[in-house]
Amino acid sequence: LGYCDARCPYEVNFIDGKANMQPGTAGACCTEMDIFEANRMAASMTAHPCSSVGPRRCTGTDCGDGDRHEYYKGLCDKDGCEFNPFRMGDQSFFGPDAAVNTNRPITVVTQFLTEDGTDGGELSEIRRFYIQDGNIIQNSKTSTIGVEGDSISNPVCAAQKNAFIETRADAEGDYNQFAAKGGLRAMGEAFDRGMVLTFALWDDLGNHMKWLDS
């Protein structure tokens, strides 16, 4: 009963099945996989591992509050490891009349690959491709200097952290929280335990979705 994600949100009415009677004092943390966050101009998939196992009630530093300079000290990787073609340099890949044309229906395919190719193997890569008008469209390759690839993998994630170090949200703590929280191994373990698929339509009134397409 209740809700959780890697933001460790405070505004949750129930945490671990118990009423959260004092919103703002406790958060609800858990591993989060954003399979497809998109608007008509850009699309992203992001893996957010946590060091905790399963949903966890947090207080204090464990919640990773930015205004307390604890953003990179909490239980979860709030930034996550993202693959967004727009951010990775290809601004003509996804959008109106682009390679993936958002004016037309799209089938989004996400693949979870393991090191040994078995269901029981350790998660090693998360891949994406699209199907449109009967054609398979492979994911865009990054053109960001120092980052090579077209998927989410531990090496790609480490390279991204080096490339985007100036975008870190806080000066304190380890910026590469993806690796610190277990990377794809931790994500795979969370998938094995079971996760709930959630659909949402939302807007970012504070930043107007600039994190996605600018």
N, C-alpha and C. Protein backbone atom coordinates (compact mmCIF):
# COMPACT_ATOMS: atom_id res chain seq x y z
N LEU A 1 0.85 -1.19 0.00
CA LEU A 1 0.00 0.00 0.00
C LEU A 1 0.88 1.24 0.00
N GLY A 2 0.62 2.16 -0.92
CA GLY A 2 1.41 3.38 -0.98
C GLY A 2 2.21 3.46 -2.26
N TYR A 3 3.23 4.32 -2.28
CA TYR A 3 4.02 4.55 -3.47
C TYR A 3 5.45 4.88 -3.05
N CYS A 4 6.41 4.59 -3.95
CA CYS A 4 7.80 4.98 -3.70
C CYS A 4 8.51 5.12 -5.03
N ASP A 5 9.60 5.87 -5.05
CA ASP A 5 10.50 5.90 -6.19
C ASP A 5 11.85 6.41 -5.71
N ALA A 6 12.77 6.64 -6.64
CA ALA A 6 14.13 7.01 -6.26
C ALA A 6 14.24 8.45 -5.77
N ARG A 7 13.19 9.26 -5.97
CA ARG A 7 13.19 10.61 -5.40
C ARG A 7 12.98 10.58 -3.89
N CYS A 8 12.53 9.45 -3.38
CA CYS A 8 12.16 9.32 -1.96
C CYS A 8 11.14 10.39 -1.57
N PRO A 9 10.00 10.44 -2.28
CA PRO A 9 9.04 11.52 -2.09
C PRO A 9 8.45 11.54 -0.67
N TYR A 10 8.26 12.76 -0.18
CA TYR A 10 7.67 12.95 1.16
C TYR A 10 6.15 12.99 1.11
N GLU A 11 5.60 13.29 -0.08
CA GLU A 11 4.15 13.54 -0.15
C GLU A 11 3.33 12.27 -0.26
N VAL A 12 3.87 11.15 0.19
CA VAL A 12 3.18 9.86 0.10
C VAL A 12 2.33 9.65 1.35
N ASN A 13 1.08 9.29 1.16
CA ASN A 13 0.17 9.14 2.31
C ASN A 13 0.40 7.86 3.09
N PHE A 14 0.92 6.83 2.40
CA PHE A 14 1.19 5.57 3.08
C PHE A 14 2.61 5.11 2.73
N ILE A 15 3.37 4.68 3.74
CA ILE A 15 4.72 4.16 3.55
C ILE A 15 4.82 2.82 4.26
N ASP A 16 5.24 1.79 3.53
CA ASP A 16 5.31 0.44 4.09
C ASP A 16 3.97 -0.01 4.67
N GLY A 17 2.89 0.44 4.05
CA GLY A 17 1.57 0.03 4.50
C GLY A 17 1.05 0.78 5.71
N LYS A 18 1.81 1.79 6.17
CA LYS A 18 1.39 2.55 7.34
C LYS A 18 1.15 4.00 6.94
N ALA A 19 0.16 4.62 7.60
CA ALA A 19 -0.18 6.01 7.28
C ALA A 19 0.99 6.93 7.60
N ASN A 20 1.28 7.84 6.68
CA ASN A 20 2.31 8.85 6.88
C ASN A 20 1.61 10.11 7.39
N MET A 21 1.50 10.20 8.69
CA MET A 21 0.66 11.22 9.31
C MET A 21 1.30 12.60 9.34
N GLN A 22 2.62 12.67 9.13
CA GLN A 22 3.31 13.94 9.16
C GLN A 22 4.10 14.12 7.86
N PRO A 23 3.41 14.42 6.76
CA PRO A 23 4.11 14.62 5.48
C PRO A 23 5.23 15.64 5.61
N GLY A 24 6.37 15.31 5.02
CA GLY A 24 7.53 16.19 5.11
C GLY A 24 8.58 15.71 6.08
N THR A 25 8.25 14.68 6.86
CA THR A 25 9.22 14.16 7.83
C THR A 25 9.79 12.81 7.41
N ALA A 26 9.09 12.08 6.57
CA ALA A 26 9.57 10.77 6.11
C ALA A 26 9.28 10.62 4.63
N GLY A 27 10.20 9.96 3.93
CA GLY A 27 10.02 9.72 2.50
C GLY A 27 9.92 8.24 2.20
N ALA A 28 9.59 7.92 0.96
CA ALA A 28 9.43 6.53 0.53
C ALA A 28 10.38 6.27 -0.64
N CYS A 29 11.43 5.49 -0.38
CA CYS A 29 12.48 5.23 -1.37
C CYS A 29 12.36 3.83 -1.96
N CYS A 30 12.64 3.71 -3.25
CA CYS A 30 12.81 2.40 -3.87
C CYS A 30 13.43 2.57 -5.25
N THR A 31 14.03 1.50 -5.75
CA THR A 31 14.62 1.50 -7.08
C THR A 31 13.56 1.85 -8.12
N GLU A 32 13.96 2.63 -9.12
CA GLU A 32 13.02 3.14 -10.13
C GLU A 32 13.60 2.94 -11.53
N MET A 33 12.77 2.46 -12.45
CA MET A 33 13.16 2.34 -13.85
C MET A 33 12.18 3.14 -14.68
N ASP A 34 12.67 4.25 -15.24
CA ASP A 34 11.84 5.06 -16.13
C ASP A 34 12.00 4.52 -17.54
N ILE A 35 11.07 3.67 -17.96
CA ILE A 35 11.19 3.02 -19.26
C ILE A 35 11.02 4.01 -20.40
N PHE A 36 10.11 4.96 -20.24
CA PHE A 36 9.87 5.90 -21.36
C PHE A 36 9.29 7.18 -20.80
N GLU A 37 10.13 8.21 -20.67
CA GLU A 37 9.66 9.55 -20.32
C GLU A 37 9.82 10.40 -21.57
N ALA A 38 8.74 10.99 -22.04
CA ALA A 38 8.81 11.64 -23.35
C ALA A 38 7.77 12.73 -23.49
N ASN A 39 8.07 13.65 -24.40
CA ASN A 39 7.08 14.56 -24.96
C ASN A 39 7.27 14.50 -26.48
N ARG A 40 6.72 15.42 -27.21
CA ARG A 40 6.80 15.33 -28.68
C ARG A 40 8.19 15.66 -29.21
N MET A 41 9.09 16.19 -28.35
CA MET A 41 10.40 16.63 -28.81
C MET A 41 11.55 15.72 -28.38
N ALA A 42 11.37 14.95 -27.35
CA ALA A 42 12.48 14.15 -26.82
C ALA A 42 11.95 12.97 -26.02
N ALA A 43 12.81 11.96 -25.85
CA ALA A 43 12.44 10.77 -25.09
C ALA A 43 13.65 10.28 -24.31
N SER A 44 13.39 9.73 -23.14
CA SER A 44 14.47 9.29 -22.27
C SER A 44 14.10 7.99 -21.58
N MET A 45 15.09 7.14 -21.33
CA MET A 45 14.93 6.01 -20.40
C MET A 45 16.03 6.13 -19.36
N THR A 46 15.68 5.89 -18.09
CA THR A 46 16.62 6.14 -17.00
C THR A 46 16.50 5.07 -15.93
N ALA A 47 17.66 4.57 -15.49
CA ALA A 47 17.71 3.58 -14.41
C ALA A 47 18.18 4.27 -13.13
N HIS A 48 17.42 4.08 -12.03
CA HIS A 48 17.73 4.69 -10.74
C HIS A 48 17.87 3.60 -9.67
N PRO A 49 19.06 3.06 -9.44
CA PRO A 49 19.21 2.05 -8.38
C PRO A 49 19.23 2.67 -6.99
N CYS A 50 18.91 1.85 -6.01
CA CYS A 50 19.00 2.25 -4.60
C CYS A 50 19.83 1.22 -3.85
N SER A 51 20.47 1.65 -2.77
CA SER A 51 21.25 0.72 -1.95
C SER A 51 20.36 -0.11 -1.04
N SER A 52 19.14 0.33 -0.81
CA SER A 52 18.20 -0.42 0.03
C SER A 52 17.54 -1.53 -0.79
N VAL A 53 17.07 -2.55 -0.10
CA VAL A 53 16.39 -3.68 -0.74
C VAL A 53 14.89 -3.50 -0.55
N GLY A 54 14.18 -3.31 -1.67
CA GLY A 54 12.74 -3.12 -1.59
C GLY A 54 12.39 -1.71 -1.12
N PRO A 55 11.10 -1.42 -0.97
CA PRO A 55 10.66 -0.10 -0.49
C PRO A 55 11.22 0.18 0.90
N ARG A 56 11.61 1.42 1.13
CA ARG A 56 12.21 1.79 2.42
C ARG A 56 11.73 3.16 2.87
N ARG A 57 11.30 3.25 4.11
CA ARG A 57 10.97 4.54 4.72
C ARG A 57 12.27 5.24 5.06
N CYS A 58 12.38 6.51 4.67
CA CYS A 58 13.61 7.24 4.94
C CYS A 58 13.34 8.46 5.79
N THR A 59 14.35 8.85 6.57
CA THR A 59 14.37 10.12 7.28
C THR A 59 15.80 10.65 7.22
N GLY A 60 15.95 11.95 7.37
CA GLY A 60 17.28 12.53 7.43
C GLY A 60 18.09 12.34 6.16
N THR A 61 19.38 12.04 6.33
CA THR A 61 20.31 11.92 5.21
C THR A 61 19.89 10.85 4.22
N ASP A 62 19.26 9.77 4.69
CA ASP A 62 18.86 8.69 3.80
C ASP A 62 17.94 9.17 2.68
N CYS A 63 17.19 10.26 2.89
CA CYS A 63 16.27 10.75 1.89
C CYS A 63 16.98 11.52 0.77
N GLY A 64 18.21 11.96 1.04
CA GLY A 64 18.98 12.64 0.00
C GLY A 64 18.42 13.99 -0.39
N ASP A 65 18.11 14.84 0.57
CA ASP A 65 17.50 16.15 0.28
C ASP A 65 18.54 17.12 -0.29
N GLY A 66 18.19 17.74 -1.41
CA GLY A 66 19.09 18.70 -2.03
C GLY A 66 19.31 19.95 -1.20
N ASP A 67 18.26 20.44 -0.53
CA ASP A 67 18.40 21.68 0.23
C ASP A 67 19.25 21.49 1.48
N ARG A 68 19.55 20.25 1.82
CA ARG A 68 20.44 19.95 2.95
C ARG A 68 21.83 19.51 2.47
N HIS A 69 22.08 19.67 1.18
CA HIS A 69 23.34 19.25 0.56
C HIS A 69 23.60 17.76 0.79
N GLU A 70 22.52 16.98 0.72
CA GLU A 70 22.63 15.52 0.90
C GLU A 70 22.12 14.76 -0.33
N TYR A 71 22.02 15.47 -1.46
CA TYR A 71 21.46 14.90 -2.69
C TYR A 71 22.19 13.64 -3.11
N TYR A 72 23.51 13.63 -2.94
CA TYR A 72 24.32 12.47 -3.34
C TYR A 72 24.73 11.61 -2.14
N LYS A 73 23.97 11.68 -1.07
CA LYS A 73 24.30 10.92 0.13
C LYS A 73 23.15 10.01 0.58
N GLY A 74 22.04 10.03 -0.15
CA GLY A 74 20.87 9.27 0.25
C GLY A 74 20.92 7.81 -0.18
N LEU A 75 19.80 7.12 0.00
CA LEU A 75 19.70 5.70 -0.33
C LEU A 75 19.65 5.44 -1.83
N CYS A 76 19.19 6.43 -2.61
CA CYS A 76 18.93 6.19 -4.03
C CYS A 76 19.71 7.14 -4.94
N ASP A 77 19.91 6.68 -6.15
CA ASP A 77 20.53 7.49 -7.20
C ASP A 77 19.45 8.33 -7.86
N LYS A 78 19.32 9.57 -7.43
CA LYS A 78 18.24 10.42 -7.93
C LYS A 78 18.47 10.86 -9.37
N ASP A 79 19.71 11.09 -9.76
CA ASP A 79 20.00 11.46 -11.15
C ASP A 79 19.77 10.27 -12.08
N GLY A 80 20.23 9.10 -11.66
CA GLY A 80 20.11 7.90 -12.47
C GLY A 80 21.07 7.91 -13.65
N CYS A 81 21.07 6.82 -14.40
CA CYS A 81 21.80 6.73 -15.66
C CYS A 81 20.76 6.77 -16.77
N GLU A 82 20.87 7.79 -17.61
CA GLU A 82 19.84 8.08 -18.61
C GLU A 82 20.40 7.90 -20.02
N PHE A 83 19.53 7.43 -20.93
CA PHE A 83 19.86 7.57 -22.34
C PHE A 83 18.77 8.38 -23.00
N ASN A 84 19.17 9.57 -23.41
CA ASN A 84 18.27 10.53 -24.05
C ASN A 84 18.98 11.03 -25.32
N PRO A 85 18.55 10.62 -26.52
CA PRO A 85 19.23 11.04 -27.74
C PRO A 85 19.41 12.55 -27.85
N PHE A 86 18.41 13.33 -27.43
CA PHE A 86 18.50 14.80 -27.49
C PHE A 86 19.69 15.28 -26.66
N ARG A 87 19.76 14.79 -25.41
CA ARG A 87 20.85 15.20 -24.52
C ARG A 87 22.20 14.69 -25.00
N MET A 88 22.20 13.52 -25.63
CA MET A 88 23.46 12.91 -26.07
C MET A 88 23.91 13.44 -27.43
N GLY A 89 23.25 14.48 -27.94
CA GLY A 89 23.75 15.19 -29.10
C GLY A 89 22.99 15.04 -30.39
N ASP A 90 22.00 14.12 -30.45
CA ASP A 90 21.26 13.91 -31.70
C ASP A 90 19.87 14.52 -31.55
N GLN A 91 19.73 15.77 -31.93
CA GLN A 91 18.47 16.48 -31.74
C GLN A 91 17.53 16.33 -32.92
N SER A 92 17.92 15.51 -33.90
CA SER A 92 17.05 15.25 -35.05
C SER A 92 16.53 13.82 -35.07
N PHE A 93 16.76 13.08 -33.97
CA PHE A 93 16.38 11.67 -33.95
C PHE A 93 14.92 11.46 -33.58
N PHE A 94 14.43 12.18 -32.57
CA PHE A 94 13.09 11.96 -32.02
C PHE A 94 12.35 13.29 -32.00
N GLY A 95 11.21 13.34 -32.70
CA GLY A 95 10.43 14.57 -32.73
C GLY A 95 9.56 14.65 -33.97
N PRO A 96 8.86 15.73 -34.16
CA PRO A 96 8.01 15.88 -35.35
C PRO A 96 8.84 15.78 -36.63
N ASP A 97 8.46 14.84 -37.51
CA ASP A 97 9.13 14.63 -38.79
C ASP A 97 10.60 14.25 -38.65
N ALA A 98 10.99 13.74 -37.48
CA ALA A 98 12.36 13.28 -37.25
C ALA A 98 12.48 11.81 -37.63
N ALA A 99 13.64 11.21 -37.36
CA ALA A 99 13.83 9.79 -37.66
C ALA A 99 12.76 8.95 -36.98
N VAL A 100 12.48 9.24 -35.72
CA VAL A 100 11.30 8.71 -35.03
C VAL A 100 10.30 9.85 -35.00
N ASN A 101 9.27 9.76 -35.83
CA ASN A 101 8.35 10.86 -36.07
C ASN A 101 7.21 10.84 -35.06
N THR A 102 7.20 11.82 -34.16
CA THR A 102 6.18 11.85 -33.12
C THR A 102 4.82 12.31 -33.62
N ASN A 103 4.72 12.62 -34.90
CA ASN A 103 3.42 12.90 -35.49
C ASN A 103 2.67 11.62 -35.88
N ARG A 104 3.35 10.47 -35.75
CA ARG A 104 2.76 9.20 -36.14
C ARG A 104 2.88 8.18 -35.00
N PRO A 105 2.03 7.13 -35.00
CA PRO A 105 2.12 6.11 -33.94
C PRO A 105 3.51 5.46 -33.89
N ILE A 106 3.95 5.15 -32.67
CA ILE A 106 5.27 4.57 -32.44
C ILE A 106 5.14 3.37 -31.51
N THR A 107 5.85 2.30 -31.81
CA THR A 107 6.00 1.19 -30.87
C THR A 107 7.39 1.30 -30.25
N VAL A 108 7.44 1.37 -28.92
CA VAL A 108 8.71 1.50 -28.20
C VAL A 108 9.09 0.15 -27.62
N VAL A 109 10.28 -0.34 -27.95
CA VAL A 109 10.74 -1.65 -27.48
C VAL A 109 11.94 -1.46 -26.57
N THR A 110 11.89 -2.06 -25.38
CA THR A 110 12.98 -2.00 -24.42
C THR A 110 13.44 -3.43 -24.12
N GLN A 111 14.74 -3.67 -24.25
CA GLN A 111 15.31 -4.99 -24.02
C GLN A 111 16.26 -4.96 -22.82
N PHE A 112 16.16 -5.98 -21.98
CA PHE A 112 17.01 -6.10 -20.80
C PHE A 112 17.92 -7.31 -21.01
N LEU A 113 19.20 -7.06 -21.23
CA LEU A 113 20.15 -8.11 -21.58
C LEU A 113 21.03 -8.47 -20.39
N THR A 114 21.36 -9.76 -20.26
CA THR A 114 22.23 -10.22 -19.18
C THR A 114 23.59 -10.64 -19.73
N GLU A 115 24.56 -10.76 -18.82
CA GLU A 115 25.92 -11.07 -19.24
C GLU A 115 26.02 -12.41 -19.95
N ASP A 116 25.25 -13.41 -19.49
CA ASP A 116 25.34 -14.74 -20.08
C ASP A 116 24.15 -15.08 -20.97
N GLY A 117 23.26 -14.12 -21.19
CA GLY A 117 22.13 -14.36 -22.07
C GLY A 117 21.02 -15.18 -21.48
N THR A 118 21.07 -15.44 -20.16
CA THR A 118 20.01 -16.21 -19.50
C THR A 118 19.18 -15.31 -18.61
N ASP A 119 17.99 -15.78 -18.26
CA ASP A 119 17.12 -15.00 -17.37
C ASP A 119 17.74 -14.82 -15.98
N GLY A 120 18.59 -15.76 -15.58
CA GLY A 120 19.20 -15.69 -14.25
C GLY A 120 20.51 -14.95 -14.21
N GLY A 121 21.00 -14.49 -15.36
CA GLY A 121 22.28 -13.78 -15.40
C GLY A 121 22.19 -12.36 -14.88
N GLU A 122 23.37 -11.76 -14.66
CA GLU A 122 23.42 -10.39 -14.15
C GLU A 122 23.08 -9.40 -15.27
N LEU A 123 22.22 -8.44 -14.98
CA LEU A 123 21.84 -7.45 -15.97
C LEU A 123 23.07 -6.66 -16.41
N SER A 124 23.28 -6.56 -17.72
CA SER A 124 24.48 -5.88 -18.23
C SER A 124 24.16 -4.74 -19.20
N GLU A 125 22.94 -4.69 -19.72
CA GLU A 125 22.62 -3.65 -20.70
C GLU A 125 21.11 -3.50 -20.83
N ILE A 126 20.68 -2.25 -21.05
CA ILE A 126 19.27 -1.96 -21.35
C ILE A 126 19.25 -1.27 -22.71
N ARG A 127 18.60 -1.91 -23.69
CA ARG A 127 18.61 -1.43 -25.06
C ARG A 127 17.23 -0.92 -25.47
N ARG A 128 17.22 -0.06 -26.49
CA ARG A 128 15.99 0.55 -26.97
C ARG A 128 15.99 0.56 -28.50
N PHE A 129 14.84 0.21 -29.09
CA PHE A 129 14.61 0.51 -30.50
C PHE A 129 13.14 0.80 -30.70
N TYR A 130 12.82 1.31 -31.88
CA TYR A 130 11.45 1.74 -32.18
C TYR A 130 10.96 1.03 -33.44
N ILE A 131 9.65 0.86 -33.53
CA ILE A 131 9.02 0.35 -34.75
C ILE A 131 8.00 1.38 -35.19
N GLN A 132 8.13 1.80 -36.45
CA GLN A 132 7.20 2.81 -36.97
C GLN A 132 6.95 2.53 -38.45
N ASP A 133 5.68 2.49 -38.82
CA ASP A 133 5.29 2.21 -40.21
C ASP A 133 5.92 0.92 -40.73
N GLY A 134 6.03 -0.08 -39.85
CA GLY A 134 6.56 -1.37 -40.24
C GLY A 134 8.07 -1.45 -40.28
N ASN A 135 8.76 -0.35 -39.94
CA ASN A 135 10.22 -0.32 -39.99
C ASN A 135 10.82 -0.31 -38.59
N ILE A 136 11.92 -1.04 -38.42
CA ILE A 136 12.65 -1.02 -37.16
C ILE A 136 13.66 0.13 -37.20
N ILE A 137 13.63 0.98 -36.18
CA ILE A 137 14.55 2.11 -36.09
C ILE A 137 15.44 1.90 -34.87
N GLN A 138 16.72 1.66 -35.11
CA GLN A 138 17.65 1.45 -34.02
C GLN A 138 17.87 2.75 -33.25
N ASN A 139 18.22 2.62 -32.00
CA ASN A 139 18.42 3.80 -31.16
C ASN A 139 19.57 4.66 -31.69
N SER A 140 19.49 5.93 -31.42
CA SER A 140 20.53 6.87 -31.81
C SER A 140 21.82 6.60 -31.04
N LYS A 141 22.95 6.79 -31.69
CA LYS A 141 24.25 6.68 -31.02
C LYS A 141 24.66 8.04 -30.49
N THR A 142 25.28 8.04 -29.33
CA THR A 142 25.69 9.30 -28.73
C THR A 142 26.79 9.98 -29.54
N SER A 143 26.72 11.30 -29.59
CA SER A 143 27.80 12.07 -30.19
C SER A 143 28.48 12.96 -29.16
N THR A 144 28.20 12.70 -27.88
CA THR A 144 28.84 13.44 -26.79
C THR A 144 30.30 13.01 -26.66
N ILE A 145 31.20 13.96 -26.60
CA ILE A 145 32.62 13.64 -26.51
C ILE A 145 32.91 12.83 -25.25
N GLY A 146 33.58 11.70 -25.43
CA GLY A 146 33.96 10.85 -24.29
C GLY A 146 32.95 9.78 -23.97
N VAL A 147 31.81 9.79 -24.65
CA VAL A 147 30.77 8.79 -24.40
C VAL A 147 30.47 8.06 -25.70
N GLU A 148 30.58 6.74 -25.70
CA GLU A 148 30.30 5.94 -26.89
C GLU A 148 29.25 4.89 -26.57
N GLY A 149 28.24 4.77 -27.43
CA GLY A 149 27.23 3.75 -27.23
C GLY A 149 25.85 4.23 -27.62
N ASP A 150 24.88 3.32 -27.51
CA ASP A 150 23.50 3.64 -27.85
C ASP A 150 22.53 2.99 -26.86
N SER A 151 23.03 2.69 -25.66
CA SER A 151 22.21 1.99 -24.67
C SER A 151 22.68 2.36 -23.27
N ILE A 152 22.00 1.79 -22.27
CA ILE A 152 22.43 1.95 -20.89
C ILE A 152 23.28 0.75 -20.50
N SER A 153 24.53 1.00 -20.13
CA SER A 153 25.43 -0.03 -19.63
C SER A 153 26.32 0.62 -18.58
N ASN A 154 26.96 -0.17 -17.75
CA ASN A 154 27.81 0.42 -16.72
C ASN A 154 28.93 1.28 -17.31
N PRO A 155 29.62 0.86 -18.39
CA PRO A 155 30.65 1.74 -18.98
C PRO A 155 30.08 3.04 -19.54
N VAL A 156 28.92 2.97 -20.22
CA VAL A 156 28.30 4.18 -20.76
C VAL A 156 27.92 5.11 -19.62
N CYS A 157 27.39 4.57 -18.55
CA CYS A 157 26.97 5.40 -17.42
C CYS A 157 28.17 6.09 -16.77
N ALA A 158 29.28 5.38 -16.62
CA ALA A 158 30.48 5.97 -16.03
C ALA A 158 31.01 7.09 -16.92
N ALA A 159 30.98 6.88 -18.24
CA ALA A 159 31.45 7.90 -19.18
C ALA A 159 30.55 9.13 -19.14
N GLN A 160 29.25 8.92 -19.01
CA GLN A 160 28.32 10.05 -18.92
C GLN A 160 28.61 10.90 -17.69
N LYS A 161 28.88 10.25 -16.56
CA LYS A 161 29.16 11.00 -15.33
C LYS A 161 30.40 11.87 -15.51
N ASN A 162 31.40 11.37 -16.22
CA ASN A 162 32.58 12.19 -16.48
C ASN A 162 32.25 13.34 -17.42
N ALA A 163 31.44 13.08 -18.43
CA ALA A 163 31.11 14.09 -19.44
C ALA A 163 30.23 15.21 -18.88
N PHE A 164 29.34 14.85 -17.94
CA PHE A 164 28.36 15.82 -17.45
C PHE A 164 28.62 16.24 -16.00
N ILE A 165 29.88 16.16 -15.57
CA ILE A 165 30.20 16.47 -14.17
C ILE A 165 29.77 17.88 -13.78
N GLU A 166 29.76 18.82 -14.74
CA GLU A 166 29.40 20.19 -14.41
C GLU A 166 27.91 20.38 -14.15
N THR A 167 27.11 19.36 -14.43
CA THR A 167 25.67 19.47 -14.22
C THR A 167 25.26 18.91 -12.86
N ARG A 168 26.21 18.48 -12.05
CA ARG A 168 25.84 17.86 -10.77
C ARG A 168 25.01 18.81 -9.93
N ALA A 169 24.08 18.25 -9.19
CA ALA A 169 23.11 19.06 -8.45
C ALA A 169 23.67 19.62 -7.16
N ASP A 170 24.75 19.04 -6.65
CA ASP A 170 25.29 19.47 -5.37
C ASP A 170 26.79 19.19 -5.35
N ALA A 171 27.54 20.01 -4.63
CA ALA A 171 29.00 19.87 -4.60
C ALA A 171 29.45 18.74 -3.67
N GLU A 172 28.58 18.30 -2.77
CA GLU A 172 28.96 17.30 -1.78
C GLU A 172 28.50 15.90 -2.20
N GLY A 173 29.33 14.90 -1.90
CA GLY A 173 28.98 13.51 -2.20
C GLY A 173 29.52 13.05 -3.54
N ASP A 174 29.43 11.74 -3.77
CA ASP A 174 29.92 11.11 -5.00
C ASP A 174 28.93 11.35 -6.13
N TYR A 175 29.37 12.01 -7.21
CA TYR A 175 28.46 12.31 -8.32
C TYR A 175 27.98 11.04 -9.01
N ASN A 176 28.84 10.03 -9.12
CA ASN A 176 28.44 8.79 -9.80
C ASN A 176 27.69 7.89 -8.83
N GLN A 177 26.50 8.30 -8.47
CA GLN A 177 25.68 7.51 -7.56
C GLN A 177 25.17 6.24 -8.23
N PHE A 178 25.13 6.22 -9.54
CA PHE A 178 24.70 5.01 -10.23
C PHE A 178 25.62 3.85 -9.88
N ALA A 179 26.92 4.08 -9.98
CA ALA A 179 27.88 3.03 -9.61
C ALA A 179 27.87 2.79 -8.12
N ALA A 180 27.78 3.87 -7.33
CA ALA A 180 27.81 3.73 -5.87
C ALA A 180 26.64 2.91 -5.35
N LYS A 181 25.51 2.95 -6.05
CA LYS A 181 24.33 2.22 -5.61
C LYS A 181 24.19 0.85 -6.29
N GLY A 182 25.24 0.41 -6.97
CA GLY A 182 25.24 -0.95 -7.51
C GLY A 182 25.02 -1.07 -9.00
N GLY A 183 24.75 0.06 -9.70
CA GLY A 183 24.61 0.05 -11.14
C GLY A 183 23.56 -0.93 -11.65
N LEU A 184 23.85 -1.54 -12.79
CA LEU A 184 22.88 -2.45 -13.41
C LEU A 184 22.69 -3.73 -12.60
N ARG A 185 23.69 -4.14 -11.84
CA ARG A 185 23.50 -5.32 -10.99
C ARG A 185 22.35 -5.08 -10.01
N ALA A 186 22.36 -3.91 -9.36
CA ALA A 186 21.30 -3.59 -8.40
C ALA A 186 19.95 -3.45 -9.10
N MET A 187 19.96 -2.88 -10.30
CA MET A 187 18.71 -2.77 -11.05
C MET A 187 18.15 -4.16 -11.35
N GLY A 188 19.00 -5.07 -11.81
CA GLY A 188 18.55 -6.43 -12.12
C GLY A 188 18.00 -7.15 -10.91
N GLU A 189 18.63 -6.96 -9.77
CA GLU A 189 18.15 -7.60 -8.54
C GLU A 189 16.77 -7.07 -8.17
N ALA A 190 16.55 -5.77 -8.39
CA ALA A 190 15.22 -5.19 -8.11
C ALA A 190 14.18 -5.76 -9.07
N PHE A 191 14.54 -5.93 -10.34
CA PHE A 191 13.61 -6.53 -11.30
C PHE A 191 13.24 -7.95 -10.87
N ASP A 192 14.22 -8.69 -10.38
CA ASP A 192 13.96 -10.06 -9.94
C ASP A 192 12.99 -10.10 -8.76
N ARG A 193 13.09 -9.10 -7.89
CA ARG A 193 12.18 -9.06 -6.73
C ARG A 193 10.77 -8.68 -7.16
N GLY A 194 10.66 -7.97 -8.28
CA GLY A 194 9.36 -7.54 -8.79
C GLY A 194 9.15 -6.05 -8.64
N MET A 195 8.69 -5.41 -9.72
CA MET A 195 8.40 -3.98 -9.70
C MET A 195 7.02 -3.75 -10.29
N VAL A 196 6.41 -2.64 -9.92
CA VAL A 196 5.06 -2.30 -10.37
C VAL A 196 5.14 -1.31 -11.53
N LEU A 197 4.44 -1.61 -12.63
CA LEU A 197 4.41 -0.71 -13.78
C LEU A 197 3.39 0.41 -13.53
N THR A 198 3.85 1.65 -13.68
CA THR A 198 3.00 2.81 -13.43
C THR A 198 3.01 3.73 -14.64
N PHE A 199 1.85 4.20 -15.05
CA PHE A 199 1.73 5.17 -16.14
C PHE A 199 1.32 6.51 -15.54
N ALA A 200 1.91 7.60 -16.04
CA ALA A 200 1.56 8.92 -15.52
C ALA A 200 1.69 9.97 -16.61
N LEU A 201 0.77 10.93 -16.61
CA LEU A 201 0.87 12.14 -17.42
C LEU A 201 1.16 13.28 -16.47
N TRP A 202 2.27 13.97 -16.71
CA TRP A 202 2.66 15.00 -15.74
C TRP A 202 3.41 16.14 -16.43
N ASP A 203 3.54 17.23 -15.70
CA ASP A 203 4.25 18.40 -16.20
C ASP A 203 5.18 18.90 -15.10
N ASP A 204 6.26 19.52 -15.51
CA ASP A 204 7.24 20.07 -14.59
C ASP A 204 7.08 21.58 -14.60
N LEU A 205 6.21 22.09 -13.75
CA LEU A 205 5.87 23.51 -13.78
C LEU A 205 7.05 24.40 -13.38
N GLY A 206 7.94 23.85 -12.57
CA GLY A 206 9.08 24.64 -12.12
C GLY A 206 10.12 24.87 -13.20
N ASN A 207 10.43 23.82 -13.97
CA ASN A 207 11.50 23.91 -14.97
C ASN A 207 11.02 23.68 -16.40
N HIS A 208 9.70 23.49 -16.57
CA HIS A 208 9.10 23.37 -17.90
C HIS A 208 9.74 22.24 -18.72
N MET A 209 10.10 21.14 -18.05
CA MET A 209 10.65 19.94 -18.70
C MET A 209 11.99 20.20 -19.40
N LYS A 210 12.71 21.23 -18.97
CA LYS A 210 14.00 21.53 -19.61
C LYS A 210 15.00 20.38 -19.43
N TRP A 211 14.85 19.61 -18.36
CA TRP A 211 15.75 18.47 -18.15
C TRP A 211 15.61 17.45 -19.28
N LEU A 212 14.46 17.46 -19.98
CA LEU A 212 14.20 16.45 -21.00
C LEU A 212 14.64 16.90 -22.39
N ASP A 213 14.40 18.16 -22.74
CA ASP A 213 14.60 18.55 -24.14
C ASP A 213 15.31 19.89 -24.33
N SER A 214 16.23 20.22 -23.42
CA SER A 214 17.03 21.44 -23.64
C SER A 214 18.40 21.28 -23.01
